[in-house]
């Protein structure tokens, strides 16, 4: 891909940004209905940013906290077009505050905690057990890949939506998704190979090479 292609604006991303900008401007003027619409549009962004950082059972409450903070601070937003990045920063800071609590723990998802909408794409990620493994691997990846992959695979957002509602450029989103998916697949493949080898070793030890069990001395005398 050429530098010009990377720098070129994406029409779908720009359309989303223009539509959202009208809502942000209305919300900054005190239109609560417009802010409610922003909640609907950006809820997945906040949810995804938090899910990348905190335990699943804490996410929903923290989403509410983030939007309450955003509503209280909306008058400080100097550039309405920067709303997405501004909101994501509030979510990241809220996750950091969560981990400052003595009782906070490293995020790890249990199967029963996985959102029903995961995973939105990738034919190879077809059942909830695989989705659990994918999500836990994603949470160990660099932040740029982690957020973008969760927004795409778990929250079901498109590339243009991610770009328009996080403040990232479309090119950055494409790069993060491409590199992140490559790293994710390599990690999962290494895990699968390790599991197969582990199973082979266990079968070899447990089966004694597949032969008949040794006879006791009493059996030999008889």
C-alpha atoms as a PDB file:
ATOM      1  CA  UNK A   1       0.000   0.000   0.000  1.00  0.00           C
ATOM      2  CA  UNK A   2       1.426   3.406  -1.003  1.00  0.00           C
ATOM      3  CA  UNK A   3       1.902   6.373   1.325  1.00  0.00           C
ATOM      4  CA  UNK A   4      -0.774   8.280  -0.607  1.00  0.00           C
ATOM      5  CA  UNK A   5      -3.250   5.452  -0.092  1.00  0.00           C
ATOM      6  CA  UNK A   6      -2.510   5.373   3.631  1.00  0.00           C
ATOM      7  CA  UNK A   7      -2.973   9.136   3.944  1.00  0.00           C
ATOM      8  CA  UNK A   8      -6.163   9.314   1.866  1.00  0.00           C
ATOM      9  CA  UNK A   9      -9.340   9.925   3.910  1.00  0.00           C
ATOM     10  CA  UNK A  10     -11.779   7.064   4.101  1.00  0.00           C
ATOM     11  CA  UNK A  11     -15.253   8.184   2.906  1.00  0.00           C
ATOM     12  CA  UNK A  12     -17.160   5.956   5.356  1.00  0.00           C
ATOM     13  CA  UNK A  13     -15.049   7.125   8.291  1.00  0.00           C
ATOM     14  CA  UNK A  14     -15.552  10.766   7.341  1.00  0.00           C
ATOM     15  CA  UNK A  15     -19.320  10.274   7.035  1.00  0.00           C
ATOM     16  CA  UNK A  16     -19.511   8.753  10.514  1.00  0.00           C
ATOM     17  CA  UNK A  17     -17.429  11.591  11.941  1.00  0.00           C
ATOM     18  CA  UNK A  18     -19.627  14.272  10.362  1.00  0.00           C
ATOM     19  CA  UNK A  19     -22.796  12.670  11.680  1.00  0.00           C
ATOM     20  CA  UNK A  20     -21.371  12.230  15.163  1.00  0.00           C
ATOM     21  CA  UNK A  21     -20.046  15.792  15.186  1.00  0.00           C
ATOM     22  CA  UNK A  22     -23.576  17.171  14.941  1.00  0.00           C
ATOM     23  CA  UNK A  23     -24.583  15.138  18.000  1.00  0.00           C
ATOM     24  CA  UNK A  24     -21.517  16.209  19.968  1.00  0.00           C
ATOM     25  CA  UNK A  25     -22.140  19.871  19.206  1.00  0.00           C
ATOM     26  CA  UNK A  26     -25.768  19.505  20.269  1.00  0.00           C
ATOM     27  CA  UNK A  27     -24.748  17.697  23.463  1.00  0.00           C
ATOM     28  CA  UNK A  28     -22.279  20.446  24.372  1.00  0.00           C
ATOM     29  CA  UNK A  29     -25.192  22.892  24.160  1.00  0.00           C
ATOM     30  CA  UNK A  30     -27.057  20.877  26.775  1.00  0.00           C
ATOM     31  CA  UNK A  31     -29.128  18.587  24.559  1.00  0.00           C
ATOM     32  CA  UNK A  32     -29.544  15.470  26.741  1.00  0.00           C
ATOM     33  CA  UNK A  33     -31.237  13.522  23.954  1.00  0.00           C
ATOM     34  CA  UNK A  34     -28.166  14.063  21.773  1.00  0.00           C
ATOM     35  CA  UNK A  35     -25.937  12.840  24.593  1.00  0.00           C
ATOM     36  CA  UNK A  36     -28.143   9.763  24.954  1.00  0.00           C
ATOM     37  CA  UNK A  37     -27.619   9.060  21.271  1.00  0.00           C
ATOM     38  CA  UNK A  38     -23.862   9.410  21.763  1.00  0.00           C
ATOM     39  CA  UNK A  39     -24.119   6.863  24.567  1.00  0.00           C
ATOM     40  CA  UNK A  40     -25.729   4.426  22.134  1.00  0.00           C
ATOM     41  CA  UNK A  41     -23.099   5.054  19.461  1.00  0.00           C
ATOM     42  CA  UNK A  42     -20.004   5.069  21.682  1.00  0.00           C
ATOM     43  CA  UNK A  43     -21.012   2.492  24.284  1.00  0.00           C
ATOM     44  CA  UNK A  44     -19.127  -0.252  22.441  1.00  0.00           C
ATOM     45  CA  UNK A  45     -15.976   1.863  22.330  1.00  0.00           C
ATOM     46  CA  UNK A  46     -16.007   2.452  26.077  1.00  0.00           C
ATOM     47  CA  UNK A  47     -16.946  -1.171  26.753  1.00  0.00           C
ATOM     48  CA  UNK A  48     -14.103  -2.417  24.559  1.00  0.00           C
ATOM     49  CA  UNK A  49     -11.490  -0.100  26.063  1.00  0.00           C
ATOM     50  CA  UNK A  50     -12.469  -1.237  29.553  1.00  0.00           C
ATOM     51  CA  UNK A  51     -12.734  -4.916  28.615  1.00  0.00           C
ATOM     52  CA  UNK A  52      -9.128  -4.762  27.467  1.00  0.00           C
ATOM     53  CA  UNK A  53      -8.100  -3.736  30.975  1.00  0.00           C
ATOM     54  CA  UNK A  54     -10.445  -4.825  33.764  1.00  0.00           C
ATOM     55  CA  UNK A  55     -12.393  -7.981  34.757  1.00  0.00           C
ATOM     56  CA  UNK A  56     -15.571  -8.522  32.754  1.00  0.00           C
ATOM     57  CA  UNK A  57     -17.854  -8.339  35.797  1.00  0.00           C
ATOM     58  CA  UNK A  58     -16.635  -4.804  36.485  1.00  0.00           C
ATOM     59  CA  UNK A  59     -17.025  -3.445  32.963  1.00  0.00           C
ATOM     60  CA  UNK A  60     -20.723  -2.530  32.876  1.00  0.00           C
ATOM     61  CA  UNK A  61     -20.550  -0.429  36.039  1.00  0.00           C
ATOM     62  CA  UNK A  62     -17.396   1.298  34.835  1.00  0.00           C
ATOM     63  CA  UNK A  63     -19.053   2.100  31.500  1.00  0.00           C
ATOM     64  CA  UNK A  64     -21.700   4.028  33.445  1.00  0.00           C
ATOM     65  CA  UNK A  65     -18.975   5.831  35.412  1.00  0.00           C
ATOM     66  CA  UNK A  66     -17.174   6.854  32.231  1.00  0.00           C
ATOM     67  CA  UNK A  67     -20.277   8.358  30.643  1.00  0.00           C
ATOM     68  CA  UNK A  68     -21.183  10.163  33.855  1.00  0.00           C
ATOM     69  CA  UNK A  69     -17.707  11.704  33.916  1.00  0.00           C
ATOM     70  CA  UNK A  70     -18.010  12.585  30.236  1.00  0.00           C
ATOM     71  CA  UNK A  71     -21.335  14.326  30.805  1.00  0.00           C
ATOM     72  CA  UNK A  72     -19.922  16.308  33.721  1.00  0.00           C
ATOM     73  CA  UNK A  73     -16.815  17.322  31.743  1.00  0.00           C
ATOM     74  CA  UNK A  74     -18.402  17.879  28.360  1.00  0.00           C
ATOM     75  CA  UNK A  75     -18.092  21.650  28.730  1.00  0.00           C
ATOM     76  CA  UNK A  76     -14.296  21.232  28.823  1.00  0.00           C
ATOM     77  CA  UNK A  77     -14.177  19.587  25.379  1.00  0.00           C
ATOM     78  CA  UNK A  78     -12.634  22.275  23.184  1.00  0.00           C
ATOM     79  CA  UNK A  79     -12.802  20.391  19.891  1.00  0.00           C
ATOM     80  CA  UNK A  80     -16.093  18.519  19.333  1.00  0.00           C
ATOM     81  CA  UNK A  81     -14.415  16.524  16.552  1.00  0.00           C
ATOM     82  CA  UNK A  82     -12.077  15.004  19.136  1.00  0.00           C
ATOM     83  CA  UNK A  83     -14.929  13.533  21.201  1.00  0.00           C
ATOM     84  CA  UNK A  84     -14.086   9.880  20.462  1.00  0.00           C
ATOM     85  CA  UNK A  85     -10.444  10.093  21.502  1.00  0.00           C
ATOM     86  CA  UNK A  86     -11.384  12.229  24.518  1.00  0.00           C
ATOM     87  CA  UNK A  87     -13.973   9.680  25.655  1.00  0.00           C
ATOM     88  CA  UNK A  88     -11.570   6.746  25.153  1.00  0.00           C
ATOM     89  CA  UNK A  89      -8.989   8.570  27.286  1.00  0.00           C
ATOM     90  CA  UNK A  90     -11.535   8.920  30.089  1.00  0.00           C
ATOM     91  CA  UNK A  91     -12.205   5.164  29.853  1.00  0.00           C
ATOM     92  CA  UNK A  92      -8.487   4.333  30.014  1.00  0.00           C
ATOM     93  CA  UNK A  93      -8.025   6.597  33.027  1.00  0.00           C
ATOM     94  CA  UNK A  94     -11.000   4.999  34.749  1.00  0.00           C
ATOM     95  CA  UNK A  95      -9.454   1.556  34.201  1.00  0.00           C
ATOM     96  CA  UNK A  96      -6.182   2.829  35.680  1.00  0.00           C
ATOM     97  CA  UNK A  97      -8.055   4.116  38.734  1.00  0.00           C
ATOM     98  CA  UNK A  98      -9.704   0.719  39.110  1.00  0.00           C
ATOM     99  CA  UNK A  99      -6.346  -1.028  39.282  1.00  0.00           C
ATOM    100  CA  UNK A 100      -5.139   1.348  41.970  1.00  0.00           C
ATOM    101  CA  UNK A 101      -7.654  -0.222  44.335  1.00  0.00           C
ATOM    102  CA  UNK A 102      -6.018  -2.761  46.675  1.00  0.00           C
ATOM    103  CA  UNK A 103      -8.553  -5.437  45.725  1.00  0.00           C
ATOM    104  CA  UNK A 104      -8.116  -5.093  41.963  1.00  0.00           C
ATOM    105  CA  UNK A 105      -6.719  -8.068  40.102  1.00  0.00           C
ATOM    106  CA  UNK A 106      -5.325  -8.777  36.667  1.00  0.00           C
ATOM    107  CA  UNK A 107      -8.120  -9.209  34.106  1.00  0.00           C
ATOM    108  CA  UNK A 108      -8.933 -12.775  33.162  1.00  0.00           C
ATOM    109  CA  UNK A 109     -12.164 -13.829  31.526  1.00  0.00           C
ATOM    110  CA  UNK A 110     -14.123 -16.909  32.509  1.00  0.00           C
ATOM    111  CA  UNK A 111     -16.228 -18.672  29.890  1.00  0.00           C
ATOM    112  CA  UNK A 112     -19.500 -17.641  31.554  1.00  0.00           C
ATOM    113  CA  UNK A 113     -18.387 -13.980  31.497  1.00  0.00           C
ATOM    114  CA  UNK A 114     -17.847 -13.738  27.753  1.00  0.00           C
ATOM    115  CA  UNK A 115     -20.243 -11.299  26.043  1.00  0.00           C
ATOM    116  CA  UNK A 116     -22.884 -12.985  23.911  1.00  0.00           C
ATOM    117  CA  UNK A 117     -21.825 -10.957  20.865  1.00  0.00           C
ATOM    118  CA  UNK A 118     -18.254 -12.281  20.870  1.00  0.00           C
ATOM    119  CA  UNK A 119     -16.823 -13.052  18.419  1.00  0.00           C
ATOM    120  CA  UNK A 120     -18.049 -10.969  15.493  1.00  0.00           C
ATOM    121  CA  UNK A 121     -15.845 -12.327  12.691  1.00  0.00           C
ATOM    122  CA  UNK A 122     -13.160 -14.838  11.746  1.00  0.00           C
ATOM    123  CA  UNK A 123     -14.411 -18.227  10.655  1.00  0.00           C
ATOM    124  CA  UNK A 124     -11.725 -19.967  12.722  1.00  0.00           C
ATOM    125  CA  UNK A 125     -13.143 -18.404  15.894  1.00  0.00           C
ATOM    126  CA  UNK A 126     -16.483 -20.136  15.908  1.00  0.00           C
ATOM    127  CA  UNK A 127     -17.360 -21.266  19.427  1.00  0.00           C
ATOM    128  CA  UNK A 128     -17.306 -19.755  22.878  1.00  0.00           C
ATOM    129  CA  UNK A 129     -14.403 -21.863  24.109  1.00  0.00           C
ATOM    130  CA  UNK A 130     -12.221 -20.598  21.271  1.00  0.00           C
ATOM    131  CA  UNK A 131     -13.509 -17.070  21.809  1.00  0.00           C
ATOM    132  CA  UNK A 132     -12.462 -17.256  25.455  1.00  0.00           C
ATOM    133  CA  UNK A 133      -8.945 -18.313  24.463  1.00  0.00           C
ATOM    134  CA  UNK A 134      -8.785 -15.530  21.889  1.00  0.00           C
ATOM    135  CA  UNK A 135      -9.915 -12.847  24.312  1.00  0.00           C
ATOM    136  CA  UNK A 136      -7.457 -13.893  26.996  1.00  0.00           C
ATOM    137  CA  UNK A 137      -4.611 -13.869  24.447  1.00  0.00           C
ATOM    138  CA  UNK A 138      -5.650 -10.448  23.153  1.00  0.00           C
ATOM    139  CA  UNK A 139      -5.470  -9.040  26.664  1.00  0.00           C
ATOM    140  CA  UNK A 140      -1.748  -9.886  26.814  1.00  0.00           C
ATOM    141  CA  UNK A 141      -0.948  -8.024  23.584  1.00  0.00           C
ATOM    142  CA  UNK A 142       0.353  -4.445  23.169  1.00  0.00           C
ATOM    143  CA  UNK A 143      -2.277  -1.803  23.895  1.00  0.00           C
ATOM    144  CA  UNK A 144      -2.710  -0.603  20.306  1.00  0.00           C
ATOM    145  CA  UNK A 145      -3.459  -4.115  19.068  1.00  0.00           C
ATOM    146  CA  UNK A 146      -5.447  -5.072  22.166  1.00  0.00           C
ATOM    147  CA  UNK A 147      -7.972  -2.263  21.923  1.00  0.00           C
ATOM    148  CA  UNK A 148      -8.402  -2.442  18.165  1.00  0.00           C
ATOM    149  CA  UNK A 149      -8.842  -6.225  18.129  1.00  0.00           C
ATOM    150  CA  UNK A 150     -11.379  -6.195  20.966  1.00  0.00           C
ATOM    151  CA  UNK A 151     -13.373  -3.445  19.267  1.00  0.00           C
ATOM    152  CA  UNK A 152     -13.360  -5.462  16.036  1.00  0.00           C
ATOM    153  CA  UNK A 153     -13.725  -9.050  17.249  1.00  0.00           C
ATOM    154  CA  UNK A 154     -15.666  -8.677  20.483  1.00  0.00           C
ATOM    155  CA  UNK A 155     -17.614  -5.449  20.072  1.00  0.00           C
ATOM    156  CA  UNK A 156     -18.288  -6.094  16.382  1.00  0.00           C
ATOM    157  CA  UNK A 157     -17.288  -2.642  15.142  1.00  0.00           C
ATOM    158  CA  UNK A 158     -16.156  -2.085  11.568  1.00  0.00           C
ATOM    159  CA  UNK A 159     -12.797  -0.571  10.686  1.00  0.00           C
ATOM    160  CA  UNK A 160     -14.320   2.813   9.739  1.00  0.00           C
ATOM    161  CA  UNK A 161     -16.359   2.871  12.966  1.00  0.00           C
ATOM    162  CA  UNK A 162     -13.248   2.195  15.036  1.00  0.00           C
ATOM    163  CA  UNK A 163     -11.349   4.970  13.267  1.00  0.00           C
ATOM    164  CA  UNK A 164     -14.184   7.492  13.504  1.00  0.00           C
ATOM    165  CA  UNK A 165     -14.972   6.808  17.160  1.00  0.00           C
ATOM    166  CA  UNK A 166     -11.531   6.403  18.701  1.00  0.00           C
ATOM    167  CA  UNK A 167      -9.657   9.238  17.022  1.00  0.00           C
ATOM    168  CA  UNK A 168      -7.344   6.839  15.182  1.00  0.00           C
ATOM    169  CA  UNK A 169      -6.694   7.264  11.480  1.00  0.00           C
ATOM    170  CA  UNK A 170      -8.161   4.635   9.150  1.00  0.00           C
ATOM    171  CA  UNK A 171      -4.596   3.650   8.200  1.00  0.00           C
ATOM    172  CA  UNK A 172      -3.650   3.097  11.854  1.00  0.00           C
ATOM    173  CA  UNK A 173      -6.703   0.922  12.372  1.00  0.00           C
ATOM    174  CA  UNK A 174      -5.861  -1.177   9.313  1.00  0.00           C
ATOM    175  CA  UNK A 175      -2.251  -1.602  10.433  1.00  0.00           C
ATOM    176  CA  UNK A 176      -3.243  -2.471  14.011  1.00  0.00           C
ATOM    177  CA  UNK A 177      -5.787  -5.020  12.825  1.00  0.00           C
ATOM    178  CA  UNK A 178      -3.418  -6.588  10.300  1.00  0.00           C
ATOM    179  CA  UNK A 179      -0.467  -6.857  12.669  1.00  0.00           C
ATOM    180  CA  UNK A 180      -2.635  -7.718  15.645  1.00  0.00           C
ATOM    181  CA  UNK A 181      -4.425 -10.531  13.807  1.00  0.00           C
ATOM    182  CA  UNK A 182      -1.098 -11.905  12.620  1.00  0.00           C
ATOM    183  CA  UNK A 183       0.305 -11.910  16.155  1.00  0.00           C
ATOM    184  CA  UNK A 184      -2.918 -13.365  17.552  1.00  0.00           C
ATOM    185  CA  UNK A 185      -2.976 -16.242  15.069  1.00  0.00           C
ATOM    186  CA  UNK A 186       0.698 -17.022  15.652  1.00  0.00           C
ATOM    187  CA  UNK A 187       0.138 -17.092  19.417  1.00  0.00           C
ATOM    188  CA  UNK A 188      -2.922 -19.326  19.105  1.00  0.00           C
ATOM    189  CA  UNK A 189      -1.089 -21.659  16.728  1.00  0.00           C
ATOM    190  CA  UNK A 190       1.822 -21.968  19.155  1.00  0.00           C
ATOM    191  CA  UNK A 191      -0.652 -22.735  21.916  1.00  0.00           C
ATOM    192  CA  UNK A 192      -2.358 -25.397  19.796  1.00  0.00           C
ATOM    193  CA  UNK A 193       0.949 -27.078  18.946  1.00  0.00           C
ATOM    194  CA  UNK A 194       1.979 -27.015  22.602  1.00  0.00           C
ATOM    195  CA  UNK A 195      -1.358 -28.561  23.625  1.00  0.00           C
ATOM    196  CA  UNK A 196      -0.995 -31.335  21.028  1.00  0.00           C
ATOM    197  CA  UNK A 197       2.535 -32.146  22.178  1.00  0.00           C
ATOM    198  CA  UNK A 198       1.426 -32.084  25.809  1.00  0.00           C
ATOM    199  CA  UNK A 199      -1.382 -34.503  25.003  1.00  0.00           C
ATOM    200  CA  UNK A 200       1.001 -36.820  23.167  1.00  0.00           C
ATOM    201  CA  UNK A 201       3.360 -36.886  26.146  1.00  0.00           C
ATOM    202  CA  UNK A 202       0.502 -37.619  28.535  1.00  0.00           C
ATOM    203  CA  UNK A 203      -0.764 -40.445  26.338  1.00  0.00           C
ATOM    204  CA  UNK A 204       2.750 -41.898  26.052  1.00  0.00           C
ATOM    205  CA  UNK A 205       3.245 -41.847  29.823  1.00  0.00           C
ATOM    206  CA  UNK A 206      -0.212 -43.109  30.630  1.00  0.00           C
ATOM    207  CA  UNK A 207      -0.261 -45.820  27.968  1.00  0.00           C
ATOM    208  CA  UNK A 208       3.194 -47.220  28.589  1.00  0.00           C
ATOM    209  CA  UNK A 209       3.791 -47.299  24.857  1.00  0.00           C
ATOM    210  CA  UNK A 210       0.523 -49.104  24.116  1.00  0.00           C
ATOM    211  CA  UNK A 211       1.672 -52.607  25.180  1.00  0.00           C
ATOM    212  CA  UNK A 212       0.017 -55.007  27.630  1.00  0.00           C
ATOM    213  CA  UNK A 213       0.559 -54.306  31.356  1.00  0.00           C
ATOM    214  CA  UNK A 214       3.348 -56.384  33.004  1.00  0.00           C
ATOM    215  CA  UNK A 215       2.295 -59.680  34.647  1.00  0.00           C
ATOM    216  CA  UNK A 216       2.699 -60.134  38.380  1.00  0.00           C
ATOM    217  CA  UNK A 217       4.931 -62.887  39.849  1.00  0.00           C
ATOM    218  CA  UNK A 218       1.865 -64.877  40.991  1.00  0.00           C
ATOM    219  CA  UNK A 219       0.490 -64.794  37.457  1.00  0.00           C
ATOM    220  CA  UNK A 220       3.829 -66.005  36.114  1.00  0.00           C
ATOM    221  CA  UNK A 221       3.910 -68.986  38.541  1.00  0.00           C
ATOM    222  CA  UNK A 222       0.396 -70.038  37.575  1.00  0.00           C
END
